[in-house]
Every structure is written in structure tokens, then in C-alpha cells.
């Protein structure tokens, strides 16, 4: 049954019909609602001028997250709340502390990017509600909150100053209870379908509904966080037909420990998935967590979507493969499980039937005999695609390498293990002689391409050097501490949690 899109907006339920399933939230705001405070800059989730805050019910509680409206489709708002820069002004007409702080700290010149910065700051302001009044956020927290916002003229110092100043101003309360109550009235008991000009947007609520929809529409596009698919529409101008949206299937949003594994549902956002795994691997993965895209992207995208996309430069796959993660697929015949590295058959080719979908991941938890590290090389610290992403996981029997698992992104057409280098290390002492041979063996494992991010030679040399860095950090005799090998070690990555 076709139904309208319903979401909470400006203290009322807003219904939408007659728009394409791939109309973006930004287009709906600017073109249909004439709410032009939210800007369009890049239309690909990079600049942050379009940042809005979306509220949804998670385990019965209101969760508020900054996202990029330029790549989120309007039907994904069904049952949620939408807040834009026009919502920040206080009921008595005064500026919100976020806005007042930007004014006082001279945090705007041309002003085009300012609404997006204001919404990212508001998202952080709401997150800081539980802290002691007047307690300033850490620089790491500020940098992370603003990682998805670019400014070409103001400079970041006054904006960062505003992030501190907003917490010093008189508090502005936000009525979470009222929004949560409104959203409870918008929740649907079963799956829905929105139809426009023959194109359908299916939103199942249960796994059984999802399985049935996938079997009935094997050619439909599976949509999770839209952080990749959104660009197909805004940059490639592709016309998408039927869509099956996973965002309302709560069974795909769970995280649990089971039999020495962390089981992560395919619908868990990147932010929540990395938060869960970093509780177990803080030293190894916290930096990669912060450097993975930006906070608005991590708030929307999912770990399952990142894996299902299968990009050769995706940052999640190398460390998942190195740890020995397993992928859970589901279809009409039930579940099947396979090693993640076996899922990728070739460039954009995967071992997945047309009626299957990614249901989750099983990630091994730490063991006493495991040494594990991840490294990312990119031109920028924040929000940049890797030139090389490396992950190394060695298990030991005393001083001997029992099993080596090495995986790289950016070095081949798929995320790929280094079989020759692993073979050199297996059964050997973890010494410099074995390291040198393994570094040379990487030349037989990969033939990287040259592109705008890096040359083939650079990729190979840095891949070999990253293996040496791993050895320096984990060698049995005099391993080097983080601050000796990591230029970014001064950042308090643990503050992300």
C-alpha cells in the first residue's frame, strides 16, 4: 500500500507526496519548503554547507545526529524529525548560544558555510548536555564535530573559539521529551511503500519483510546510509528505480558479543560500529575511527553498507579482513557465512546472490597472543580517501609468528591480503630479517595503480614502510611507543567515545 512520507518538522507533522523517491532532503527544503538557510555547496557530502540534524527513536529514546542533507533522500525521513538552522532561534527571539557564540567570536565572513557549521555545533551542543555546565569540550571533540564542514574565508580559529564560547553562555534547553512523544505517534507497525511515477521506495520494519521484499525485487537497490548511493544521483545523475531501505529494520541495528566475536548488524551506523569495536581495540582503531570520513557521514553511513559496497579504497575492509571478520548474508534460504576476504571476487564483483543482502558482521575480539595495528595514508587528516590503508594482525606462539594476516586497501582492485608476505612471516621469529623479506614479498602481492591520490611507486614504498612501522611498534625487543612513530599521537583520540 502506497503511503505518504511523514516526519516531524517545525513542531508539526509534515506530510510529503508527489516527489521522486530520490529527491534529496536539501532539495525538499530549498525548492518545496523555501527554507533556504540550508545551503548547497558540493552536493556530495564533503563541504557541510547542507548540514541538518535528524532525530529518530533508538530503543525508545530520542537520538539527534548531524547529517548531510544533500545526499539523504526525502523518504528516509519517514517517522523522524528534521531540524535546520531556522530552528535554532529561541522562542523569545534571542539567538541560540551556538549562534551568539559565532557572532561574538567573529566566526563568519561570507556566511555561506555558517549555517552548516551552526548545525554541527548544535549537534555537539546537544551531545554536551550531560556534561557539567560551563565545561568546555576538548579540542579533539570540536575537531571531530566540525570535520565535515569546510570554510574558505573565515578560517577555523574563530569557529573553534565559538565552539568553546557557546558552552559559557546561558544554557538553552531543548525539549527532547516533546519531540520523542511526537515521533512515537509517527511510528508505523509494519513496512511501507512510497510510490511516485512507477518508482517505489520500500521501507520494511522486520527481517522477514526485508527477506520477502528482496526475493520479490531482486533488482531493487538496497539503501542503507545513502553516503555512496546519494552521489549516484547528485553527481552521476543516475535514475534509480525500486529502492529497499534498511533504515527502519531494528533487527539490523544490534551490537552484541557472542562466542569471542563482536556481532554487528548491517544497519549499525559507522559511528556506532566504530564506537563498539574501539572499546575493544582503542589503541589500534581510534585514530582510524576519527579519520574515517566525517562525523555527519559516519552518523548516516553503515558498516554493512561500507562492506557491501566493496570499494578497493574503503577503510573498513583491511582491518576487518586482517582480524578475520566473517560476513553474514541472508536470503530466502536462510543465513550463510563466509570470510570477508572471500566475499570480493573482483572489482565491484561479490559473492552474493541477487536475492541476498548483507545482514551483519562477526568480528573477532582481542586475544592475548594478538598484535594488531591499522594505518591510513591520505593527503588530509580528516575526511579524505586513503592512498593506502594498511592492517596487520599477527598471532604468536612465544616469539614465533603463528599466523600473519596482512591486508591493504588502495593497492589492488579489491581489499586484498598479502599472501606472499604472510607466507614469509608464518613460523618465523618476529625479527628484522623476517621483516625485510616480508617487505620485499609485498612487491609480488600487489601491483598498485597510479592515480590522482598517489603513484604506484609511492603506494608500494609506503606499504612496505608501514609494515616496518608495525614491526617497530610490536617487536619483542624494545618496541617503540605511539608518540615515537605517530605524528598525530598528541590528539586525544579516546575523547571520541
Protein backbone atom coordinates (compact mmCIF):
# COMPACT_ATOMS: atom_id res chain seq x y z
CA UNK A 1 0.00 0.00 0.00
CA UNK A 2 1.42 3.39 -1.04
CA UNK A 3 1.58 5.91 1.78
CA UNK A 4 2.83 9.50 2.19
CA UNK A 5 6.14 10.40 3.83
CA UNK A 6 5.53 11.77 7.34
CA UNK A 7 8.06 13.49 9.58
CA UNK A 8 8.17 15.99 12.43
CA UNK A 9 9.13 19.48 11.27
CA UNK A 10 8.62 22.89 12.89
CA UNK A 11 6.60 21.46 15.78
CA UNK A 12 4.12 19.71 13.50
CA UNK A 13 3.72 16.56 11.43
CA UNK A 14 4.70 17.26 7.83
CA UNK A 15 3.39 15.02 5.01
CA UNK A 16 5.03 14.71 1.61
CA UNK A 17 3.65 13.26 -1.61
CA UNK A 18 4.36 13.86 -5.26
CA UNK A 19 8.17 13.90 -5.05
CA UNK A 20 10.66 11.44 -6.52
CA UNK A 21 11.99 8.78 -4.12
CA UNK A 22 15.47 10.12 -4.83
CA UNK A 23 14.66 13.76 -4.11
CA UNK A 24 17.21 14.87 -1.52
CA UNK A 25 16.27 16.43 1.78
CA UNK A 26 18.17 19.54 0.69
CA UNK A 27 16.08 19.82 -2.47
CA UNK A 28 12.88 19.42 -0.47
CA UNK A 29 13.95 22.12 1.98
CA UNK A 30 15.05 24.68 -0.56
CA UNK A 31 12.72 24.03 -3.51
CA UNK A 32 9.50 22.84 -1.86
CA UNK A 33 9.55 24.39 1.62
CA UNK A 34 11.55 27.51 0.68
CA UNK A 35 13.79 27.00 3.72
CA UNK A 36 16.90 28.45 2.13
CA UNK A 37 19.09 28.74 5.23
CA UNK A 38 20.49 25.29 4.44
CA UNK A 39 22.95 25.68 1.55
CA UNK A 40 24.15 23.53 -1.32
CA UNK A 41 27.88 23.53 -1.83
CA UNK A 42 29.39 20.30 -3.12
CA UNK A 43 26.27 18.08 -3.34
CA UNK A 44 28.38 15.10 -2.30
CA UNK A 45 28.62 15.25 1.49
CA UNK A 46 32.05 16.89 1.68
CA UNK A 47 31.63 20.60 2.45
CA UNK A 48 28.94 20.53 5.17
CA UNK A 49 27.04 23.63 3.99
CA UNK A 50 23.91 21.46 3.87
CA UNK A 51 24.22 20.05 7.41
CA UNK A 52 20.96 19.41 9.25
CA UNK A 53 20.14 17.45 12.40
CA UNK A 54 17.83 14.44 12.17
CA UNK A 55 16.10 12.99 15.22
CA UNK A 56 14.97 9.38 15.48
CA UNK A 57 13.87 6.95 18.16
CA UNK A 58 16.56 4.47 19.20
CA UNK A 59 15.47 2.00 21.85
CA UNK A 60 12.64 4.36 22.72
CA UNK A 61 14.92 7.35 23.27
CA UNK A 62 15.48 10.37 21.03
CA UNK A 63 18.79 10.34 19.16
CA UNK A 64 19.88 13.52 17.36
CA UNK A 65 22.57 13.38 14.69
CA UNK A 66 24.08 15.85 12.24
CA UNK A 67 23.91 14.58 8.64
CA UNK A 68 24.43 15.88 5.12
CA UNK A 69 21.03 16.73 3.64
CA UNK A 70 22.44 16.91 0.10
CA UNK A 71 22.78 13.12 -0.21
CA UNK A 72 19.94 11.89 2.01
CA UNK A 73 16.69 11.05 0.23
CA UNK A 74 13.46 12.62 1.46
CA UNK A 75 11.61 9.29 2.06
CA UNK A 76 14.26 8.31 4.62
CA UNK A 77 12.77 10.99 6.93
CA UNK A 78 9.57 9.00 7.47
CA UNK A 79 8.97 8.65 11.20
CA UNK A 80 11.83 11.02 12.08
CA UNK A 81 12.32 14.68 13.00
CA UNK A 82 14.14 17.28 10.90
CA UNK A 83 15.88 20.36 12.30
CA UNK A 84 17.50 23.11 10.23
CA UNK A 85 19.32 26.34 11.00
CA UNK A 86 15.97 28.16 11.05
CA UNK A 87 15.04 26.15 14.15
CA UNK A 88 17.86 27.44 16.34
CA UNK A 89 16.38 30.80 17.31
CA UNK A 90 14.96 30.70 20.83
CA UNK A 91 11.19 31.13 21.42
CA UNK A 92 11.68 34.66 22.77
CA UNK A 93 13.53 35.73 19.63
CA UNK A 94 17.05 35.62 21.09
CA UNK A 95 19.87 33.87 19.28
CA UNK A 96 20.73 30.37 20.37
CA UNK A 97 24.08 30.17 22.24
CA UNK A 98 25.56 28.49 19.15
CA UNK A 99 24.58 31.47 17.00
CA UNK A 100 25.52 34.03 19.66
CA UNK A 101 28.95 32.46 20.07
CA UNK A 102 29.57 32.61 16.31
CA UNK A 103 28.67 36.30 16.38
CA UNK A 104 30.82 37.12 19.39
CA UNK A 105 33.83 35.19 18.09
CA UNK A 106 33.54 36.57 14.54
CA UNK A 107 33.01 33.08 13.18
CA UNK A 108 31.66 34.13 9.80
CA UNK A 109 32.77 36.21 6.83
CA UNK A 110 30.85 35.44 3.63
CA UNK A 111 28.42 33.35 5.69
CA UNK A 112 27.71 30.67 3.10
CA UNK A 113 29.14 27.84 5.19
CA UNK A 114 27.92 29.25 8.51
CA UNK A 115 24.51 27.51 8.67
CA UNK A 116 26.25 24.15 8.29
CA UNK A 117 28.79 25.00 10.97
CA UNK A 118 25.97 26.17 13.24
CA UNK A 119 24.11 22.86 12.85
CA UNK A 120 27.25 20.79 13.51
CA UNK A 121 27.92 22.91 16.60
CA UNK A 122 24.29 22.48 17.68
CA UNK A 123 24.67 18.74 17.36
CA UNK A 124 27.71 18.91 19.63
CA UNK A 125 25.87 21.30 21.99
CA UNK A 126 23.08 18.75 22.43
CA UNK A 127 25.61 15.97 22.97
CA UNK A 128 27.30 18.03 25.70
CA UNK A 129 24.02 18.42 27.63
CA UNK A 130 25.01 15.74 30.09
CA UNK A 131 28.30 17.42 30.97
CA UNK A 132 28.84 19.93 33.75
CA UNK A 133 27.54 23.35 32.75
CA UNK A 134 30.37 25.53 31.51
CA UNK A 135 32.72 22.57 30.92
CA UNK A 136 34.46 23.21 27.61
CA UNK A 137 34.62 20.45 25.01
CA UNK A 138 38.06 19.11 24.22
CA UNK A 139 39.84 20.21 21.06
CA UNK A 140 39.52 16.65 19.76
CA UNK A 141 35.75 16.72 20.25
CA UNK A 142 35.49 20.09 18.49
CA UNK A 143 37.66 18.98 15.57
CA UNK A 144 35.62 15.82 15.17
CA UNK A 145 32.28 17.66 15.31
CA UNK A 146 33.49 20.08 12.62
CA UNK A 147 35.31 17.50 10.49
CA UNK A 148 32.55 17.57 7.88
CA UNK A 149 32.44 21.36 7.50
CA UNK A 150 34.71 23.34 5.19
CA UNK A 151 35.25 27.12 5.26
CA UNK A 152 37.13 29.00 2.56
CA UNK A 153 37.29 32.51 4.03
CA UNK A 154 36.70 32.76 7.78
CA UNK A 155 39.40 30.41 8.98
CA UNK A 156 38.78 27.81 11.65
CA UNK A 157 40.22 29.54 14.72
CA UNK A 158 37.21 31.82 15.38
CA UNK A 159 34.81 28.93 14.71
CA UNK A 160 36.70 26.75 17.18
CA UNK A 161 36.61 29.66 19.63
CA UNK A 162 32.83 29.76 19.17
CA UNK A 163 32.62 26.04 19.95
CA UNK A 164 34.16 26.79 23.35
CA UNK A 165 32.25 30.03 23.92
CA UNK A 166 28.80 28.53 23.30
CA UNK A 167 29.11 26.44 26.46
CA UNK A 168 29.89 29.52 28.54
CA UNK A 169 26.68 31.35 27.58
CA UNK A 170 23.36 30.90 29.43
CA UNK A 171 22.00 27.46 28.72
CA UNK A 172 19.30 26.93 26.09
CA UNK A 173 17.20 23.88 26.91
CA UNK A 174 15.88 21.53 24.26
CA UNK A 175 12.62 19.65 24.89
CA UNK A 176 13.64 16.14 23.97
CA UNK A 177 10.58 14.62 25.60
CA UNK A 178 8.17 16.56 23.36
CA UNK A 179 9.99 15.51 20.20
CA UNK A 180 10.21 11.89 21.32
CA UNK A 181 6.48 11.85 22.06
CA UNK A 182 5.71 13.26 18.61
CA UNK A 183 7.88 10.60 16.97
CA UNK A 184 6.16 7.81 18.87
CA UNK A 185 2.93 8.86 17.19
CA UNK A 186 4.61 8.62 13.77
CA UNK A 187 5.95 5.07 14.11
CA UNK A 188 4.40 2.52 11.78
CA UNK A 189 3.59 -1.02 12.81
CA UNK A 190 4.62 -2.60 9.50
CA UNK A 191 6.55 -1.97 6.35
CA UNK A 192 5.51 0.80 3.98
CA UNK A 193 5.91 1.65 0.33
CA UNK A 194 6.10 5.12 -1.14
CA UNK A 195 5.37 5.29 -4.90
CA UNK A 196 5.97 8.06 -7.41
CA UNK A 197 5.67 7.73 -11.21
CA UNK A 198 6.15 3.97 -11.11
CA UNK A 199 9.19 4.03 -8.83
CA UNK A 200 8.88 2.51 -5.37
CA UNK A 201 10.63 3.20 -2.09
CA UNK A 202 10.10 0.19 0.19
CA UNK A 203 10.74 0.56 3.92
CA UNK A 204 10.40 -2.80 5.71
CA UNK A 205 10.32 -2.99 9.51
CA UNK A 206 11.30 -6.62 10.12
CA UNK A 207 13.85 -9.06 8.74
CA UNK A 208 11.08 -11.26 7.37
CA UNK A 209 9.63 -8.31 5.46
CA UNK A 210 13.09 -7.48 4.14
CA UNK A 211 13.72 -11.06 3.02
CA UNK A 212 10.37 -11.16 1.22
CA UNK A 213 10.95 -7.81 -0.47
CA UNK A 214 14.43 -8.79 -1.63
CA UNK A 215 13.11 -12.05 -3.07
CA UNK A 216 10.27 -10.22 -4.84
CA UNK A 217 12.51 -7.39 -6.11
CA UNK A 218 15.98 -8.87 -6.72
CA UNK A 219 16.91 -5.94 -8.99
CA UNK A 220 15.94 -3.29 -6.42
CA UNK A 221 18.69 -1.17 -4.93
CA UNK A 222 19.45 -1.81 -1.25
CA UNK A 223 19.83 1.55 0.50
CA UNK A 224 21.36 1.99 3.96
CA UNK A 225 23.06 5.30 4.79
CA UNK A 226 23.00 6.82 1.28
CA UNK A 227 26.53 8.18 1.70
CA UNK A 228 27.58 6.46 -1.54
CA UNK A 229 24.28 5.96 -3.37
CA UNK A 230 23.34 9.60 -2.87
CA UNK A 231 26.25 10.61 -5.11
CA UNK A 232 24.96 8.37 -7.88
CA UNK A 233 22.02 10.74 -8.08
CA UNK A 234 23.60 14.12 -7.34
CA UNK A 235 26.87 13.69 -9.27
CA UNK A 236 26.23 10.94 -11.84
CA UNK A 237 22.60 11.96 -12.49
CA UNK A 238 21.51 8.33 -12.41
CA UNK A 239 17.83 7.41 -12.40
CA UNK A 240 17.21 4.81 -9.70
CA UNK A 241 14.20 2.54 -9.89
CA UNK A 242 12.91 0.47 -6.96
CA UNK A 243 14.68 1.03 -3.63
CA UNK A 244 14.61 -1.10 -0.48
CA UNK A 245 15.59 0.98 2.55
CA UNK A 246 17.12 -0.72 5.60
CA UNK A 247 16.89 2.22 7.99
CA UNK A 248 13.77 1.01 9.83
CA UNK A 249 14.81 -2.64 10.33
CA UNK A 250 15.75 -2.58 14.01
CA UNK A 251 16.98 -6.18 13.90
CA UNK A 252 19.90 -4.98 11.76
CA UNK A 253 20.94 -2.33 14.29
CA UNK A 254 22.12 -4.51 17.15
CA UNK A 255 25.65 -4.98 18.52
CA UNK A 256 26.37 -7.97 20.75
CA UNK A 257 29.24 -10.13 21.99
CA UNK A 258 28.91 -13.80 21.17
CA UNK A 259 31.44 -16.66 21.31
CA UNK A 260 34.50 -14.39 21.24
CA UNK A 261 33.06 -12.29 18.44
CA UNK A 262 31.51 -8.84 18.24
CA UNK A 263 28.37 -9.26 16.13
CA UNK A 264 27.49 -6.01 14.32
CA UNK A 265 24.25 -5.71 12.37
CA UNK A 266 24.40 -4.34 8.84
CA UNK A 267 22.24 -1.36 9.82
CA UNK A 268 24.54 -0.12 12.60
CA UNK A 269 25.93 3.29 11.69
CA UNK A 270 29.65 3.69 11.14
CA UNK A 271 29.83 5.94 14.21
CA UNK A 272 28.17 3.37 16.47
CA UNK A 273 30.03 0.43 14.92
CA UNK A 274 33.42 2.07 15.40
CA UNK A 275 32.48 3.11 18.93
CA UNK A 276 31.68 -0.51 19.74
CA UNK A 277 34.80 -2.03 18.19
CA UNK A 278 37.09 0.70 19.59
CA UNK A 279 36.07 -0.23 23.11
CA UNK A 280 37.95 -3.46 22.44
CA UNK A 281 40.73 -2.08 20.19
CA UNK A 282 41.24 1.52 21.40
CA UNK A 283 44.95 1.87 20.64
CA UNK A 284 44.62 0.15 17.28
CA UNK A 285 41.48 1.74 15.80
CA UNK A 286 40.68 5.07 17.49
CA UNK A 287 42.69 7.12 15.01
CA UNK A 288 41.13 5.36 12.03
CA UNK A 289 37.70 5.96 13.58
CA UNK A 290 38.31 9.70 13.71
CA UNK A 291 39.83 9.80 10.23
CA UNK A 292 37.07 7.78 8.59
CA UNK A 293 35.19 10.38 6.51
CA UNK A 294 33.49 12.95 8.79
CA UNK A 295 31.04 12.79 11.67
CA UNK A 296 27.94 13.54 9.51
CA UNK A 297 28.96 10.76 7.13
CA UNK A 298 29.61 8.32 9.98
CA UNK A 299 26.26 9.30 11.52
CA UNK A 300 24.46 8.21 8.34
CA UNK A 301 26.57 5.53 6.66
CA UNK A 302 26.64 1.96 7.95
CA UNK A 303 29.46 -0.53 8.39
CA UNK A 304 27.40 -3.10 6.50
CA UNK A 305 26.99 -0.67 3.61
CA UNK A 306 30.70 0.09 3.55
CA UNK A 307 31.45 -3.63 3.31
CA UNK A 308 28.70 -4.36 0.77
CA UNK A 309 29.89 -1.52 -1.45
CA UNK A 310 33.25 -3.27 -1.71
CA UNK A 311 35.29 -0.23 -2.70
CA UNK A 312 39.00 -1.03 -3.10
CA UNK A 313 39.74 2.14 -1.10
CA UNK A 314 37.21 1.56 1.69
CA UNK A 315 38.90 1.97 5.07
CA UNK A 316 36.93 -0.66 7.00
CA UNK A 317 37.74 -3.75 4.96
CA UNK A 318 41.53 -4.02 5.53
CA UNK A 319 41.28 -4.17 9.32
CA UNK A 320 38.20 -6.39 9.22
CA UNK A 321 39.99 -8.82 6.91
CA UNK A 322 43.18 -8.73 8.99
CA UNK A 323 41.22 -9.61 12.12
CA UNK A 324 39.48 -12.48 10.32
CA UNK A 325 35.99 -10.99 10.27
CA UNK A 326 33.18 -13.04 8.79
CA UNK A 327 30.26 -11.76 6.77
CA UNK A 328 26.67 -12.90 7.34
CA UNK A 329 24.42 -12.94 4.26
CA UNK A 330 20.70 -13.59 4.36
CA UNK A 331 18.16 -14.62 1.77
CA UNK A 332 15.05 -16.77 1.32
CA UNK A 333 17.08 -19.90 2.09
CA UNK A 334 18.31 -18.54 5.41
CA UNK A 335 21.72 -17.28 6.50
CA UNK A 336 25.14 -18.18 5.22
CA UNK A 337 28.51 -17.04 6.50
CA UNK A 338 31.84 -16.57 4.76
CA UNK A 339 35.21 -15.00 5.42
CA UNK A 340 35.11 -11.34 4.39
CA UNK A 341 38.08 -11.65 2.02
CA UNK A 342 36.20 -14.39 0.12
CA UNK A 343 33.29 -12.00 -0.49
CA UNK A 344 35.25 -9.92 -3.01
CA UNK A 345 35.70 -11.75 -6.32
CA UNK A 346 36.97 -8.82 -8.40
CA UNK A 347 36.42 -5.11 -8.88
CA UNK A 348 32.79 -4.47 -7.84
CA UNK A 349 32.16 -8.24 -8.03
CA UNK A 350 30.91 -10.01 -4.92
CA UNK A 351 29.86 -13.48 -3.84
CA UNK A 352 26.24 -12.53 -3.21
CA UNK A 353 23.13 -13.81 -4.94
CA UNK A 354 20.54 -11.41 -6.31
CA UNK A 355 18.03 -12.32 -3.59
CA UNK A 356 20.53 -11.93 -0.71
CA UNK A 357 21.59 -8.97 1.39
CA UNK A 358 24.32 -8.30 3.95
CA UNK A 359 22.85 -8.98 7.40
CA UNK A 360 25.88 -8.37 9.60
CA UNK A 361 29.50 -8.94 10.51
CA UNK A 362 31.24 -11.13 13.08
CA UNK A 363 34.49 -9.52 14.27
CA UNK A 364 36.95 -11.46 16.48
CA UNK A 365 37.62 -9.87 19.86
CA UNK A 366 41.17 -9.31 21.20
CA UNK A 367 43.32 -12.24 22.31
CA UNK A 368 46.44 -12.21 24.44
CA UNK A 369 48.59 -13.57 21.61
CA UNK A 370 47.47 -10.98 19.04
CA UNK A 371 49.38 -7.89 17.88
CA UNK A 372 47.22 -5.67 15.67
CA UNK A 373 47.58 -2.22 14.07
CA UNK A 374 45.91 -0.13 11.36
CA UNK A 375 47.35 2.81 9.41
CA UNK A 376 45.87 5.30 6.95
CA UNK A 377 47.82 7.46 4.49
CA UNK A 378 45.95 10.37 2.91
CA UNK A 379 46.63 13.95 1.90
CA UNK A 380 44.43 15.32 4.70
CA UNK A 381 43.94 14.17 8.26
CA UNK A 382 40.14 14.46 8.17
CA UNK A 383 37.61 13.40 5.58
CA UNK A 384 39.92 12.14 2.87
CA UNK A 385 40.12 8.99 0.80
CA UNK A 386 43.10 6.80 1.56
CA UNK A 387 46.01 6.47 -0.80
CA UNK A 388 46.94 3.38 1.22
CA UNK A 389 45.14 1.79 4.16
CA UNK A 390 47.01 -1.00 5.93
CA UNK A 391 46.11 -3.52 8.61
CA UNK A 392 48.43 -6.03 10.26
CA UNK A 393 47.39 -8.80 12.67
CA UNK A 394 49.93 -11.30 13.93
CA UNK A 395 49.30 -14.08 16.43
CA UNK A 396 52.24 -15.56 18.29
CA UNK A 397 53.39 -18.79 19.86
CA UNK A 398 56.04 -17.49 22.20
CA UNK A 399 58.43 -15.49 19.98
CA UNK A 400 57.32 -17.19 16.77
CA UNK A 401 54.69 -15.85 14.38
CA UNK A 402 51.92 -18.45 14.40
CA UNK A 403 49.72 -16.71 11.83
CA UNK A 404 50.19 -13.47 9.91
CA UNK A 405 47.23 -11.68 8.38
CA UNK A 406 48.07 -8.59 6.32
CA UNK A 407 45.51 -6.65 4.29
CA UNK A 408 45.66 -3.44 2.28
CA UNK A 409 43.21 -1.07 0.67
CA UNK A 410 44.24 1.10 -2.28
CA UNK A 411 46.75 -1.47 -3.52
CA UNK A 412 44.54 -3.64 -5.75
CA UNK A 413 41.11 -3.82 -7.39
CA UNK A 414 39.68 -5.16 -4.13
CA UNK A 415 40.69 -5.06 -0.47
CA UNK A 416 43.31 -7.82 -0.59
CA UNK A 417 45.51 -9.93 1.68
CA UNK A 418 49.27 -10.08 1.17
CA UNK A 419 49.66 -13.84 0.76
CA UNK A 420 53.36 -13.85 -0.12
CA UNK A 421 54.35 -11.56 2.75
CA UNK A 422 52.23 -13.61 5.15
CA UNK A 423 53.94 -16.82 4.00
CA UNK A 424 57.35 -15.28 4.72
CA UNK A 425 56.37 -14.47 8.30
CA UNK A 426 54.49 -17.63 9.27
CA UNK A 427 56.60 -19.83 11.52
CA UNK A 428 59.40 -17.25 11.78
CA UNK A 429 60.75 -15.22 14.64
CA UNK A 430 59.44 -11.63 14.54
CA UNK A 431 62.85 -10.14 13.82
CA UNK A 432 64.30 -7.69 11.33
CA UNK A 433 65.44 -10.41 8.93
CA UNK A 434 61.88 -11.74 8.58
CA UNK A 435 60.59 -8.17 8.28
CA UNK A 436 62.97 -7.34 5.43
CA UNK A 437 61.95 -10.44 3.48
CA UNK A 438 58.25 -9.73 4.04
CA UNK A 439 58.67 -6.14 2.85
CA UNK A 440 60.24 -7.41 -0.37
CA UNK A 441 57.48 -10.00 -0.78
CA UNK A 442 54.87 -7.24 -0.88
CA UNK A 443 56.18 -6.46 -4.37
CA UNK A 444 54.77 -9.79 -5.53
CA UNK A 445 51.49 -9.38 -3.69
CA UNK A 446 50.44 -6.08 -5.26
CA UNK A 447 50.76 -4.12 -8.49
CA UNK A 448 49.12 -0.83 -7.44
CA UNK A 449 47.89 1.76 -9.92
CA UNK A 450 48.83 5.41 -10.19
CA UNK A 451 46.00 7.92 -9.84
CA UNK A 452 45.30 11.40 -8.50
CA UNK A 453 45.85 10.25 -4.91
CA UNK A 454 49.23 8.56 -5.30
CA UNK A 455 51.63 6.97 -7.76
CA UNK A 456 52.19 3.23 -7.97
CA UNK A 457 55.71 3.62 -6.65
CA UNK A 458 54.60 5.73 -3.72
CA UNK A 459 51.95 3.19 -2.78
CA UNK A 460 54.39 0.29 -2.82
CA UNK A 461 57.09 2.12 -0.90
CA UNK A 462 54.71 3.35 1.79
CA UNK A 463 53.07 -0.08 2.09
CA UNK A 464 56.49 -1.56 2.81
CA UNK A 465 57.33 1.24 5.24
CA UNK A 466 54.05 0.74 7.09
CA UNK A 467 54.98 -2.90 7.61
CA UNK A 468 58.28 -1.69 9.08
CA UNK A 469 56.43 0.75 11.33
CA UNK A 470 54.25 -2.12 12.55
CA UNK A 471 57.40 -4.07 13.39
CA UNK A 472 58.90 -1.12 15.25
CA UNK A 473 55.76 -0.85 17.38
CA UNK A 474 55.36 -4.57 18.08
CA UNK A 475 58.85 -6.11 18.02
CA UNK A 476 59.65 -8.19 21.05
CA UNK A 477 62.77 -6.20 21.93
CA UNK A 478 62.30 -2.50 22.73
CA UNK A 479 59.01 -1.75 20.90
CA UNK A 480 58.54 1.96 20.21
CA UNK A 481 55.67 3.85 21.89
CA UNK A 482 52.97 5.65 19.88
CA UNK A 483 54.47 9.10 20.37
CA UNK A 484 57.69 7.90 18.75
CA UNK A 485 56.08 6.77 15.49
CA UNK A 486 52.80 8.69 15.17
CA UNK A 487 52.79 12.37 14.22
CA UNK A 488 49.19 12.63 15.46
CA UNK A 489 49.73 10.93 18.82
CA UNK A 490 49.19 14.23 20.67
CA UNK A 491 45.50 14.11 19.74
CA UNK A 492 43.30 12.56 22.42
CA UNK A 493 41.55 10.03 20.17
CA UNK A 494 39.92 8.37 23.16
CA UNK A 495 37.86 11.55 23.64
CA UNK A 496 35.72 10.44 20.70
CA UNK A 497 33.98 7.90 22.89
